[in-house]
């Protein structure tokens, strides 16, 4: 069964930015019950490298106790990956335009196959 991901980009701020300026990509991770998913691993991968070396950047962190994360990124597209041991991993491409910061709300689906302990 395919996991349903609710990853909605919501407009927070409508002030314009200059090229090269950073905008904020922030998000909240919640479980199926609506409770925050704390400690989840969040990775943001730059889709198109924006530097002269043509090397994509990565940002990573753990979600806080309220399931929140935040990164300062430049205008562009990013792949966002979220993982936590009790839930199925999620991914989504998010494009940040030059006029908006972005807020993501990720609803994590419980893993139907929890980690099993293998015995020798």
PDB file of N, CA and C in Angstrom:
ATOM      1  N   UNK A   1       0.845  -1.173   0.000  1.00  0.00           N
ATOM      2  CA  UNK A   1       0.000   0.000   0.000  1.00  0.00           C
ATOM      3  C   UNK A   1       0.890   1.235   0.000  1.00  0.00           C
ATOM      4  N   UNK A   2       0.615   2.125  -0.853  1.00  0.00           N
ATOM      5  CA  UNK A   2       1.417   3.326  -0.989  1.00  0.00           C
ATOM      6  C   UNK A   2       1.086   4.310   0.130  1.00  0.00           C
ATOM      7  N   UNK A   3       2.116   4.861   0.678  1.00  0.00           N
ATOM      8  CA  UNK A   3       1.946   5.814   1.762  1.00  0.00           C
ATOM      9  C   UNK A   3       1.405   7.128   1.225  1.00  0.00           C
ATOM     10  N   UNK A   4       0.512   7.718   1.957  1.00  0.00           N
ATOM     11  CA  UNK A   4      -0.029   9.015   1.571  1.00  0.00           C
ATOM     12  C   UNK A   4       0.723  10.086   2.339  1.00  0.00           C
ATOM     13  N   UNK A   5       1.298  10.998   1.605  1.00  0.00           N
ATOM     14  CA  UNK A   5       2.090  12.058   2.209  1.00  0.00           C
ATOM     15  C   UNK A   5       1.329  13.357   2.083  1.00  0.00           C
ATOM     16  N   UNK A   6       1.155  14.014   3.190  1.00  0.00           N
ATOM     17  CA  UNK A   6       0.579  15.337   3.143  1.00  0.00           C
ATOM     18  C   UNK A   6       1.711  16.303   3.373  1.00  0.00           C
ATOM     19  N   UNK A   7       2.127  16.928   2.320  1.00  0.00           N
ATOM     20  CA  UNK A   7       3.243  17.864   2.397  1.00  0.00           C
ATOM     21  C   UNK A   7       2.776  19.111   1.678  1.00  0.00           C
ATOM     22  N   UNK A   8       2.286  20.073   2.422  1.00  0.00           N
ATOM     23  CA  UNK A   8       1.702  21.258   1.811  1.00  0.00           C
ATOM     24  C   UNK A   8       2.601  22.451   2.020  1.00  0.00           C
ATOM     25  N   UNK A   9       2.875  23.145   0.962  1.00  0.00           N
ATOM     26  CA  UNK A   9       3.654  24.380   1.065  1.00  0.00           C
ATOM     27  C   UNK A   9       2.674  25.514   1.318  1.00  0.00           C
ATOM     28  N   UNK A  10       2.883  26.215   2.408  1.00  0.00           N
ATOM     29  CA  UNK A  10       2.024  27.315   2.782  1.00  0.00           C
ATOM     30  C   UNK A  10       2.824  28.604   2.750  1.00  0.00           C
ATOM     31  N   UNK A  11       2.199  29.663   2.302  1.00  0.00           N
ATOM     32  CA  UNK A  11       2.876  30.946   2.248  1.00  0.00           C
ATOM     33  C   UNK A  11       2.893  31.551   3.638  1.00  0.00           C
ATOM     34  N   UNK A  12       4.093  31.907   4.097  1.00  0.00           N
ATOM     35  CA  UNK A  12       4.226  32.557   5.394  1.00  0.00           C
ATOM     36  C   UNK A  12       4.457  34.049   5.244  1.00  0.00           C
ATOM     37  N   UNK A  13       5.391  34.405   4.389  1.00  0.00           N
ATOM     38  CA  UNK A  13       5.773  35.795   4.235  1.00  0.00           C
ATOM     39  C   UNK A  13       5.751  36.117   2.758  1.00  0.00           C
ATOM     40  N   UNK A  14       5.211  37.243   2.371  1.00  0.00           N
ATOM     41  CA  UNK A  14       5.122  37.561   0.960  1.00  0.00           C
ATOM     42  C   UNK A  14       6.095  38.655   0.549  1.00  0.00           C
ATOM     43  N   UNK A  15       7.011  39.022   1.407  1.00  0.00           N
ATOM     44  CA  UNK A  15       7.995  40.031   1.039  1.00  0.00           C
ATOM     45  C   UNK A  15       8.972  39.441   0.035  1.00  0.00           C
ATOM     46  N   UNK A  16       9.335  40.217  -0.993  1.00  0.00           N
ATOM     47  CA  UNK A  16      10.262  39.751  -2.017  1.00  0.00           C
ATOM     48  C   UNK A  16      11.673  39.643  -1.479  1.00  0.00           C
ATOM     49  N   UNK A  17      12.496  38.840  -2.148  1.00  0.00           N
ATOM     50  CA  UNK A  17      13.893  38.698  -1.778  1.00  0.00           C
ATOM     51  C   UNK A  17      14.749  38.994  -2.987  1.00  0.00           C
ATOM     52  N   UNK A  18      15.977  39.399  -2.759  1.00  0.00           N
ATOM     53  CA  UNK A  18      16.930  39.652  -3.823  1.00  0.00           C
ATOM     54  C   UNK A  18      17.600  38.331  -4.186  1.00  0.00           C
ATOM     55  N   UNK A  19      18.050  38.183  -5.447  1.00  0.00           N
ATOM     56  CA  UNK A  19      18.767  36.962  -5.816  1.00  0.00           C
ATOM     57  C   UNK A  19      19.941  36.722  -4.871  1.00  0.00           C
ATOM     58  N   UNK A  20      20.136  35.473  -4.482  1.00  0.00           N
ATOM     59  CA  UNK A  20      21.221  35.128  -3.571  1.00  0.00           C
ATOM     60  C   UNK A  20      20.852  35.238  -2.104  1.00  0.00           C
ATOM     61  N   UNK A  21      19.745  35.900  -1.787  1.00  0.00           N
ATOM     62  CA  UNK A  21      19.317  35.981  -0.395  1.00  0.00           C
ATOM     63  C   UNK A  21      18.706  34.655   0.030  1.00  0.00           C
ATOM     64  N   UNK A  22      18.705  34.435   1.306  1.00  0.00           N
ATOM     65  CA  UNK A  22      18.131  33.201   1.819  1.00  0.00           C
ATOM     66  C   UNK A  22      16.678  33.402   2.232  1.00  0.00           C
ATOM     67  N   UNK A  23      15.941  32.335   2.173  1.00  0.00           N
ATOM     68  CA  UNK A  23      14.577  32.280   2.675  1.00  0.00           C
ATOM     69  C   UNK A  23      14.520  31.121   3.659  1.00  0.00           C
ATOM     70  N   UNK A  24      13.502  31.080   4.461  1.00  0.00           N
ATOM     71  CA  UNK A  24      13.387  30.036   5.472  1.00  0.00           C
ATOM     72  C   UNK A  24      12.446  28.938   4.999  1.00  0.00           C
ATOM     73  N   UNK A  25      12.952  27.696   5.076  1.00  0.00           N
ATOM     74  CA  UNK A  25      12.126  26.517   4.852  1.00  0.00           C
ATOM     75  C   UNK A  25      11.964  25.880   6.230  1.00  0.00           C
ATOM     76  N   UNK A  26      10.739  25.879   6.718  1.00  0.00           N
ATOM     77  CA  UNK A  26      10.506  25.281   8.029  1.00  0.00           C
ATOM     78  C   UNK A  26       9.369  24.294   7.917  1.00  0.00           C
ATOM     79  N   UNK A  27       9.300  23.401   8.878  1.00  0.00           N
ATOM     80  CA  UNK A  27       8.259  22.402   8.816  1.00  0.00           C
ATOM     81  C   UNK A  27       7.923  21.822  10.159  1.00  0.00           C
ATOM     82  N   UNK A  28       6.818  21.098  10.167  1.00  0.00           N
ATOM     83  CA  UNK A  28       6.347  20.389  11.349  1.00  0.00           C
ATOM     84  C   UNK A  28       6.021  18.965  10.930  1.00  0.00           C
ATOM     85  N   UNK A  29       6.490  18.015  11.725  1.00  0.00           N
ATOM     86  CA  UNK A  29       6.237  16.593  11.478  1.00  0.00           C
ATOM     87  C   UNK A  29       5.212  16.108  12.483  1.00  0.00           C
ATOM     88  N   UNK A  30       4.146  15.479  11.978  1.00  0.00           N
ATOM     89  CA  UNK A  30       3.125  14.947  12.873  1.00  0.00           C
ATOM     90  C   UNK A  30       2.824  13.504  12.477  1.00  0.00           C
ATOM     91  N   UNK A  31       2.415  12.715  13.468  1.00  0.00           N
ATOM     92  CA  UNK A  31       1.999  11.344  13.224  1.00  0.00           C
ATOM     93  C   UNK A  31       0.538  11.298  12.811  1.00  0.00           C
ATOM     94  N   UNK A  32       0.041  10.106  12.576  1.00  0.00           N
ATOM     95  CA  UNK A  32      -1.354   9.934  12.157  1.00  0.00           C
ATOM     96  C   UNK A  32      -2.336  10.453  13.201  1.00  0.00           C
ATOM     97  N   UNK A  33      -1.941  10.426  14.471  1.00  0.00           N
ATOM     98  CA  UNK A  33      -2.814  10.904  15.540  1.00  0.00           C
ATOM     99  C   UNK A  33      -2.778  12.422  15.678  1.00  0.00           C
ATOM    100  N   UNK A  34      -1.838  13.063  14.979  1.00  0.00           N
ATOM    101  CA  UNK A  34      -1.687  14.513  15.095  1.00  0.00           C
ATOM    102  C   UNK A  34      -0.620  14.923  16.091  1.00  0.00           C
ATOM    103  N   UNK A  35      -0.051  13.952  16.797  1.00  0.00           N
ATOM    104  CA  UNK A  35       1.011  14.249  17.774  1.00  0.00           C
ATOM    105  C   UNK A  35       2.316  14.551  17.032  1.00  0.00           C
ATOM    106  N   UNK A  36       3.143  15.454  17.573  1.00  0.00           N
ATOM    107  CA  UNK A  36       4.411  15.766  16.915  1.00  0.00           C
ATOM    108  C   UNK A  36       5.338  14.556  16.883  1.00  0.00           C
ATOM    109  N   UNK A  37       6.119  14.457  15.820  1.00  0.00           N
ATOM    110  CA  UNK A  37       7.118  13.400  15.689  1.00  0.00           C
ATOM    111  C   UNK A  37       8.462  14.030  16.038  1.00  0.00           C
ATOM    112  N   UNK A  38       8.894  13.816  17.266  1.00  0.00           N
ATOM    113  CA  UNK A  38      10.142  14.423  17.728  1.00  0.00           C
ATOM    114  C   UNK A  38      11.338  13.545  17.375  1.00  0.00           C
ATOM    115  N   UNK A  39      12.457  14.187  17.154  1.00  0.00           N
ATOM    116  CA  UNK A  39      13.696  13.467  16.918  1.00  0.00           C
ATOM    117  C   UNK A  39      13.847  12.860  15.536  1.00  0.00           C
ATOM    118  N   UNK A  40      12.907  13.120  14.632  1.00  0.00           N
ATOM    119  CA  UNK A  40      13.012  12.571  13.272  1.00  0.00           C
ATOM    120  C   UNK A  40      14.201  13.212  12.555  1.00  0.00           C
ATOM    121  N   UNK A  41      14.823  12.437  11.693  1.00  0.00           N
ATOM    122  CA  UNK A  41      15.941  12.917  10.883  1.00  0.00           C
ATOM    123  C   UNK A  41      15.378  13.619   9.648  1.00  0.00           C
ATOM    124  N   UNK A  42      15.846  14.837   9.410  1.00  0.00           N
ATOM    125  CA  UNK A  42      15.396  15.617   8.259  1.00  0.00           C
ATOM    126  C   UNK A  42      16.623  15.982   7.425  1.00  0.00           C
ATOM    127  N   UNK A  43      16.565  15.670   6.140  1.00  0.00           N
ATOM    128  CA  UNK A  43      17.644  15.997   5.207  1.00  0.00           C
ATOM    129  C   UNK A  43      17.051  16.820   4.071  1.00  0.00           C
ATOM    130  N   UNK A  44      17.682  17.944   3.778  1.00  0.00           N
ATOM    131  CA  UNK A  44      17.296  18.774   2.640  1.00  0.00           C
ATOM    132  C   UNK A  44      18.468  18.753   1.673  1.00  0.00           C
ATOM    133  N   UNK A  45      18.192  18.324   0.435  1.00  0.00           N
ATOM    134  CA  UNK A  45      19.223  18.195  -0.596  1.00  0.00           C
ATOM    135  C   UNK A  45      18.913  19.180  -1.723  1.00  0.00           C
ATOM    136  N   UNK A  46      19.888  19.990  -2.073  1.00  0.00           N
ATOM    137  CA  UNK A  46      19.730  20.962  -3.154  1.00  0.00           C
ATOM    138  C   UNK A  46      19.551  20.222  -4.486  1.00  0.00           C
ATOM    139  N   UNK A  47      18.480  20.501  -5.194  1.00  0.00           N
ATOM    140  CA  UNK A  47      18.168  19.809  -6.438  1.00  0.00           C
ATOM    141  C   UNK A  47      19.100  20.237  -7.577  1.00  0.00           C
ATOM    142  N   UNK A  48      19.299  21.536  -7.735  1.00  0.00           N
ATOM    143  CA  UNK A  48      20.243  22.076  -8.711  1.00  0.00           C
ATOM    144  C   UNK A  48      21.327  22.810  -7.953  1.00  0.00           C
ATOM    145  N   UNK A  49      22.577  22.418  -8.086  1.00  0.00           N
ATOM    146  CA  UNK A  49      23.661  23.125  -7.384  1.00  0.00           C
ATOM    147  C   UNK A  49      23.689  24.604  -7.752  1.00  0.00           C
ATOM    148  N   UNK A  50      23.843  25.452  -6.747  1.00  0.00           N
ATOM    149  CA  UNK A  50      23.833  26.896  -6.979  1.00  0.00           C
ATOM    150  C   UNK A  50      25.225  27.506  -6.853  1.00  0.00           C
ATOM    151  N   UNK A  51      26.250  26.673  -6.702  1.00  0.00           N
ATOM    152  CA  UNK A  51      27.593  27.224  -6.538  1.00  0.00           C
ATOM    153  C   UNK A  51      28.436  26.963  -7.786  1.00  0.00           C
ATOM    154  N   UNK A  52      29.546  27.649  -7.878  1.00  0.00           N
ATOM    155  CA  UNK A  52      30.403  27.560  -9.062  1.00  0.00           C
ATOM    156  C   UNK A  52      31.087  26.204  -9.204  1.00  0.00           C
ATOM    157  N   UNK A  53      31.189  25.427  -8.125  1.00  0.00           N
ATOM    158  CA  UNK A  53      31.805  24.102  -8.195  1.00  0.00           C
ATOM    159  C   UNK A  53      30.821  23.046  -8.676  1.00  0.00           C
ATOM    160  N   UNK A  54      29.571  23.428  -8.889  1.00  0.00           N
ATOM    161  CA  UNK A  54      28.528  22.509  -9.341  1.00  0.00           C
ATOM    162  C   UNK A  54      28.341  21.331  -8.381  1.00  0.00           C
ATOM    163  N   UNK A  55      28.439  21.615  -7.100  1.00  0.00           N
ATOM    164  CA  UNK A  55      28.278  20.601  -6.053  1.00  0.00           C
ATOM    165  C   UNK A  55      27.026  20.947  -5.246  1.00  0.00           C
ATOM    166  N   UNK A  56      26.095  20.000  -5.157  1.00  0.00           N
ATOM    167  CA  UNK A  56      24.858  20.217  -4.403  1.00  0.00           C
ATOM    168  C   UNK A  56      25.158  20.278  -2.907  1.00  0.00           C
ATOM    169  N   UNK A  57      24.397  21.104  -2.215  1.00  0.00           N
ATOM    170  CA  UNK A  57      24.531  21.215  -0.764  1.00  0.00           C
ATOM    171  C   UNK A  57      23.470  20.359  -0.082  1.00  0.00           C
ATOM    172  N   UNK A  58      23.787  19.935   1.140  1.00  0.00           N
ATOM    173  CA  UNK A  58      22.847  19.207   1.987  1.00  0.00           C
ATOM    174  C   UNK A  58      22.764  19.908   3.333  1.00  0.00           C
ATOM    175  N   UNK A  59      21.591  19.910   3.906  1.00  0.00           N
ATOM    176  CA  UNK A  59      21.385  20.392   5.269  1.00  0.00           C
ATOM    177  C   UNK A  59      20.682  19.265   6.008  1.00  0.00           C
ATOM    178  N   UNK A  60      21.040  19.053   7.257  1.00  0.00           N
ATOM    179  CA  UNK A  60      20.390  17.998   8.028  1.00  0.00           C
ATOM    180  C   UNK A  60      20.262  18.398   9.482  1.00  0.00           C
ATOM    181  N   UNK A  61      19.255  17.847  10.116  1.00  0.00           N
ATOM    182  CA  UNK A  61      19.034  18.084  11.543  1.00  0.00           C
ATOM    183  C   UNK A  61      18.014  17.081  12.056  1.00  0.00           C
ATOM    184  N   UNK A  62      17.810  17.085  13.359  1.00  0.00           N
ATOM    185  CA  UNK A  62      16.752  16.299  13.998  1.00  0.00           C
ATOM    186  C   UNK A  62      15.623  17.258  14.369  1.00  0.00           C
ATOM    187  N   UNK A  63      14.388  16.814  14.197  1.00  0.00           N
ATOM    188  CA  UNK A  63      13.237  17.622  14.586  1.00  0.00           C
ATOM    189  C   UNK A  63      13.243  17.809  16.101  1.00  0.00           C
ATOM    190  N   UNK A  64      12.799  18.967  16.554  1.00  0.00           N
ATOM    191  CA  UNK A  64      12.782  19.245  17.989  1.00  0.00           C
ATOM    192  C   UNK A  64      11.617  18.526  18.673  1.00  0.00           C
ATOM    193  N   UNK A  65      11.407  18.800  19.950  1.00  0.00           N
ATOM    194  CA  UNK A  65      10.376  18.117  20.744  1.00  0.00           C
ATOM    195  C   UNK A  65       8.963  18.369  20.213  1.00  0.00           C
ATOM    196  N   UNK A  66       8.789  19.448  19.460  1.00  0.00           N
ATOM    197  CA  UNK A  66       7.484  19.761  18.876  1.00  0.00           C
ATOM    198  C   UNK A  66       7.378  19.285  17.429  1.00  0.00           C
ATOM    199  N   UNK A  67       8.375  18.515  16.966  1.00  0.00           N
ATOM    200  CA  UNK A  67       8.368  18.011  15.605  1.00  0.00           C
ATOM    201  C   UNK A  67       8.736  19.051  14.562  1.00  0.00           C
ATOM    202  N   UNK A  68       9.383  20.137  14.987  1.00  0.00           N
ATOM    203  CA  UNK A  68       9.708  21.235  14.071  1.00  0.00           C
ATOM    204  C   UNK A  68      11.144  21.166  13.575  1.00  0.00           C
ATOM    205  N   UNK A  69      11.349  21.679  12.368  1.00  0.00           N
ATOM    206  CA  UNK A  69      12.684  21.841  11.811  1.00  0.00           C
ATOM    207  C   UNK A  69      12.705  23.130  10.997  1.00  0.00           C
ATOM    208  N   UNK A  70      13.902  23.664  10.742  1.00  0.00           N
ATOM    209  CA  UNK A  70      14.027  24.907   9.997  1.00  0.00           C
ATOM    210  C   UNK A  70      15.396  24.979   9.346  1.00  0.00           C
ATOM    211  N   UNK A  71      15.413  25.425   8.085  1.00  0.00           N
ATOM    212  CA  UNK A  71      16.654  25.611   7.335  1.00  0.00           C
ATOM    213  C   UNK A  71      16.590  26.937   6.592  1.00  0.00           C
ATOM    214  N   UNK A  72      17.717  27.611   6.478  1.00  0.00           N
ATOM    215  CA  UNK A  72      17.822  28.790   5.633  1.00  0.00           C
ATOM    216  C   UNK A  72      18.431  28.345   4.317  1.00  0.00           C
ATOM    217  N   UNK A  73      17.693  28.552   3.227  1.00  0.00           N
ATOM    218  CA  UNK A  73      18.119  28.110   1.901  1.00  0.00           C
ATOM    219  C   UNK A  73      17.970  29.264   0.914  1.00  0.00           C
ATOM    220  N   UNK A  74      18.611  29.122  -0.223  1.00  0.00           N
ATOM    221  CA  UNK A  74      18.436  30.102  -1.287  1.00  0.00           C
ATOM    222  C   UNK A  74      17.238  29.692  -2.136  1.00  0.00           C
ATOM    223  N   UNK A  75      16.751  30.630  -2.940  1.00  0.00           N
ATOM    224  CA  UNK A  75      15.667  30.340  -3.862  1.00  0.00           C
ATOM    225  C   UNK A  75      16.092  29.179  -4.746  1.00  0.00           C
ATOM    226  N   UNK A  76      15.205  28.199  -4.935  1.00  0.00           N
ATOM    227  CA  UNK A  76      15.507  27.040  -5.765  1.00  0.00           C
ATOM    228  C   UNK A  76      14.665  25.853  -5.349  1.00  0.00           C
ATOM    229  N   UNK A  77      15.017  24.676  -5.896  1.00  0.00           N
ATOM    230  CA  UNK A  77      14.280  23.449  -5.592  1.00  0.00           C
ATOM    231  C   UNK A  77      15.132  22.521  -4.736  1.00  0.00           C
ATOM    232  N   UNK A  78      14.473  21.832  -3.828  1.00  0.00           N
ATOM    233  CA  UNK A  78      15.146  20.971  -2.855  1.00  0.00           C
ATOM    234  C   UNK A  78      14.357  19.681  -2.691  1.00  0.00           C
ATOM    235  N   UNK A  79      15.081  18.591  -2.457  1.00  0.00           N
ATOM    236  CA  UNK A  79      14.452  17.331  -2.090  1.00  0.00           C
ATOM    237  C   UNK A  79      14.509  17.240  -0.569  1.00  0.00           C
ATOM    238  N   UNK A  80      13.355  17.029   0.057  1.00  0.00           N
ATOM    239  CA  UNK A  80      13.257  16.943   1.511  1.00  0.00           C
ATOM    240  C   UNK A  80      12.968  15.488   1.878  1.00  0.00           C
ATOM    241  N   UNK A  81      13.828  14.907   2.707  1.00  0.00           N
ATOM    242  CA  UNK A  81      13.688  13.520   3.166  1.00  0.00           C
ATOM    243  C   UNK A  81      13.480  13.531   4.676  1.00  0.00           C
ATOM    244  N   UNK A  82      12.518  12.735   5.148  1.00  0.00           N
ATOM    245  CA  UNK A  82      12.225  12.657   6.577  1.00  0.00           C
ATOM    246  C   UNK A  82      12.152  11.188   6.971  1.00  0.00           C
ATOM    247  N   UNK A  83      12.797  10.849   8.085  1.00  0.00           N
ATOM    248  CA  UNK A  83      12.826   9.466   8.535  1.00  0.00           C
ATOM    249  C   UNK A  83      12.777   9.409  10.064  1.00  0.00           C
ATOM    250  N   UNK A  84      12.018   8.458  10.566  1.00  0.00           N
ATOM    251  CA  UNK A  84      11.952   8.203  12.012  1.00  0.00           C
ATOM    252  C   UNK A  84      11.601   6.731  12.159  1.00  0.00           C
ATOM    253  N   UNK A  85      12.203   6.049  13.102  1.00  0.00           N
ATOM    254  CA  UNK A  85      12.138   4.588  13.204  1.00  0.00           C
ATOM    255  C   UNK A  85      10.711   4.027  13.272  1.00  0.00           C
ATOM    256  N   UNK A  86       9.766   4.741  13.840  1.00  0.00           N
ATOM    257  CA  UNK A  86       8.396   4.229  13.982  1.00  0.00           C
ATOM    258  C   UNK A  86       7.521   4.487  12.759  1.00  0.00           C
ATOM    259  N   UNK A  87       8.052   5.283  11.799  1.00  0.00           N
ATOM    260  CA  UNK A  87       7.250   5.718  10.664  1.00  0.00           C
ATOM    261  C   UNK A  87       7.924   5.375   9.339  1.00  0.00           C
ATOM    262  N   UNK A  88       7.120   5.322   8.277  1.00  0.00           N
ATOM    263  CA  UNK A  88       7.664   5.129   6.942  1.00  0.00           C
ATOM    264  C   UNK A  88       8.403   6.398   6.523  1.00  0.00           C
ATOM    265  N   UNK A  89       9.521   6.261   5.837  1.00  0.00           N
ATOM    266  CA  UNK A  89      10.237   7.454   5.383  1.00  0.00           C
ATOM    267  C   UNK A  89       9.403   8.210   4.343  1.00  0.00           C
ATOM    268  N   UNK A  90       9.591   9.516   4.311  1.00  0.00           N
ATOM    269  CA  UNK A  90       8.854  10.381   3.390  1.00  0.00           C
ATOM    270  C   UNK A  90       9.848  11.220   2.589  1.00  0.00           C
ATOM    271  N   UNK A  91       9.486  11.567   1.375  1.00  0.00           N
ATOM    272  CA  UNK A  91      10.298  12.494   0.584  1.00  0.00           C
ATOM    273  C   UNK A  91       9.388  13.320  -0.308  1.00  0.00           C
ATOM    274  N   UNK A  92       9.854  14.520  -0.622  1.00  0.00           N
ATOM    275  CA  UNK A  92       9.073  15.425  -1.464  1.00  0.00           C
ATOM    276  C   UNK A  92      10.009  16.476  -2.040  1.00  0.00           C
ATOM    277  N   UNK A  93       9.802  16.856  -3.284  1.00  0.00           N
ATOM    278  CA  UNK A  93      10.538  17.970  -3.872  1.00  0.00           C
ATOM    279  C   UNK A  93       9.772  19.242  -3.562  1.00  0.00           C
ATOM    280  N   UNK A  94      10.495  20.237  -3.067  1.00  0.00           N
ATOM    281  CA  UNK A  94       9.904  21.516  -2.689  1.00  0.00           C
ATOM    282  C   UNK A  94      10.660  22.619  -3.407  1.00  0.00           C
ATOM    283  N   UNK A  95       9.923  23.490  -4.087  1.00  0.00           N
ATOM    284  CA  UNK A  95      10.551  24.629  -4.755  1.00  0.00           C
ATOM    285  C   UNK A  95      10.212  25.897  -3.991  1.00  0.00           C
ATOM    286  N   UNK A  96      11.239  26.674  -3.693  1.00  0.00           N
ATOM    287  CA  UNK A  96      11.110  27.924  -2.964  1.00  0.00           C
ATOM    288  C   UNK A  96      11.276  29.041  -3.980  1.00  0.00           C
ATOM    289  N   UNK A  97      10.244  29.861  -4.159  1.00  0.00           N
ATOM    290  CA  UNK A  97      10.374  30.933  -5.139  1.00  0.00           C
ATOM    291  C   UNK A  97      10.945  32.185  -4.495  1.00  0.00           C
ATOM    292  N   UNK A  98      11.128  33.212  -5.275  1.00  0.00           N
ATOM    293  CA  UNK A  98      11.818  34.403  -4.783  1.00  0.00           C
ATOM    294  C   UNK A  98      10.969  35.314  -3.914  1.00  0.00           C
ATOM    295  N   UNK A  99       9.729  34.975  -3.674  1.00  0.00           N
ATOM    296  CA  UNK A  99       8.871  35.873  -2.917  1.00  0.00           C
ATOM    297  C   UNK A  99       8.345  35.299  -1.609  1.00  0.00           C
ATOM    298  N   UNK A 100       8.689  34.052  -1.277  1.00  0.00           N
ATOM    299  CA  UNK A 100       8.037  33.432  -0.115  1.00  0.00           C
ATOM    300  C   UNK A 100       8.975  32.558   0.697  1.00  0.00           C
ATOM    301  N   UNK A 101       8.806  32.617   1.994  1.00  0.00           N
ATOM    302  CA  UNK A 101       9.347  31.576   2.847  1.00  0.00           C
ATOM    303  C   UNK A 101       8.359  30.414   2.769  1.00  0.00           C
ATOM    304  N   UNK A 102       8.784  29.234   3.163  1.00  0.00           N
ATOM    305  CA  UNK A 102       7.935  28.050   3.006  1.00  0.00           C
ATOM    306  C   UNK A 102       7.770  27.335   4.338  1.00  0.00           C
ATOM    307  N   UNK A 103       6.547  26.892   4.607  1.00  0.00           N
ATOM    308  CA  UNK A 103       6.273  26.059   5.778  1.00  0.00           C
ATOM    309  C   UNK A 103       5.707  24.735   5.273  1.00  0.00           C
ATOM    310  N   UNK A 104       6.249  23.649   5.775  1.00  0.00           N
ATOM    311  CA  UNK A 104       5.818  22.313   5.380  1.00  0.00           C
ATOM    312  C   UNK A 104       5.133  21.638   6.555  1.00  0.00           C
ATOM    313  N   UNK A 105       4.109  20.884   6.263  1.00  0.00           N
ATOM    314  CA  UNK A 105       3.458  20.073   7.295  1.00  0.00           C
ATOM    315  C   UNK A 105       3.493  18.648   6.772  1.00  0.00           C
ATOM    316  N   UNK A 106       4.229  17.792   7.439  1.00  0.00           N
ATOM    317  CA  UNK A 106       4.409  16.414   6.984  1.00  0.00           C
ATOM    318  C   UNK A 106       3.681  15.485   7.944  1.00  0.00           C
ATOM    319  N   UNK A 107       2.711  14.739   7.404  1.00  0.00           N
ATOM    320  CA  UNK A 107       1.993  13.742   8.210  1.00  0.00           C
ATOM    321  C   UNK A 107       2.668  12.402   7.957  1.00  0.00           C
ATOM    322  N   UNK A 108       3.296  11.866   8.996  1.00  0.00           N
ATOM    323  CA  UNK A 108       4.030  10.612   8.906  1.00  0.00           C
ATOM    324  C   UNK A 108       3.061   9.444   9.113  1.00  0.00           C
ATOM    325  N   UNK A 109       3.237   8.397   8.315  1.00  0.00           N
ATOM    326  CA  UNK A 109       2.406   7.206   8.435  1.00  0.00           C
ATOM    327  C   UNK A 109       3.185   6.139   9.196  1.00  0.00           C
ATOM    328  N   UNK A 110       2.524   5.503  10.162  1.00  0.00           N
ATOM    329  CA  UNK A 110       3.166   4.469  10.980  1.00  0.00           C
ATOM    330  C   UNK A 110       3.694   3.340  10.095  1.00  0.00           C
ATOM    331  N   UNK A 111       4.844   2.796  10.457  1.00  0.00           N
ATOM    332  CA  UNK A 111       5.446   1.689   9.728  1.00  0.00           C
ATOM    333  C   UNK A 111       4.687   0.412  10.063  1.00  0.00           C
ATOM    334  N   UNK A 112       4.066  -0.250   9.068  1.00  0.00           N
ATOM    335  CA  UNK A 112       3.318  -1.473   9.355  1.00  0.00           C
ATOM    336  C   UNK A 112       4.232  -2.664   9.654  1.00  0.00           C
ATOM    337  N   UNK A 113       5.527  -2.507   9.402  1.00  0.00           N
ATOM    338  CA  UNK A 113       6.499  -3.580   9.648  1.00  0.00           C
ATOM    339  C   UNK A 113       7.565  -3.056  10.599  1.00  0.00           C
ATOM    340  N   UNK A 114       7.232  -2.960  11.869  1.00  0.00           N
ATOM    341  CA  UNK A 114       8.233  -2.437  12.809  1.00  0.00           C
ATOM    342  C   UNK A 114       9.484  -3.277  12.800  1.00  0.00           C
ATOM    343  N   UNK A 115      10.540  -2.666  13.253  1.00  0.00           N
ATOM    344  CA  UNK A 115      11.845  -3.322  13.278  1.00  0.00           C
ATOM    345  C   UNK A 115      11.761  -4.626  14.049  1.00  0.00           C
ATOM    346  N   UNK A 116      12.263  -5.677  13.445  1.00  0.00           N
ATOM    347  CA  UNK A 116      12.267  -6.991  14.091  1.00  0.00           C
ATOM    348  C   UNK A 116      13.657  -7.298  14.620  1.00  0.00           C
ATOM    349  N   UNK A 117      13.709  -7.994  15.733  1.00  0.00           N
ATOM    350  CA  UNK A 117      14.985  -8.429  16.271  1.00  0.00           C
ATOM    351  C   UNK A 117      15.262  -9.830  15.745  1.00  0.00           C
ATOM    352  N   UNK A 118      16.350  -9.964  15.021  1.00  0.00           N
ATOM    353  CA  UNK A 118      16.730 -11.259  14.471  1.00  0.00           C
ATOM    354  C   UNK A 118      17.593 -12.005  15.466  1.00  0.00           C
ATOM    355  N   UNK A 119      17.311 -13.266  15.631  1.00  0.00           N
ATOM    356  CA  UNK A 119      18.097 -14.070  16.547  1.00  0.00           C
ATOM    357  C   UNK A 119      19.036 -14.963  15.744  1.00  0.00           C
ATOM    358  N   UNK A 120      20.203 -15.202  16.300  1.00  0.00           N
ATOM    359  CA  UNK A 120      21.205 -16.039  15.624  1.00  0.00           C
ATOM    360  C   UNK A 120      20.885 -17.499  15.755  1.00  0.00           C
TER     361      UNK A 120
END
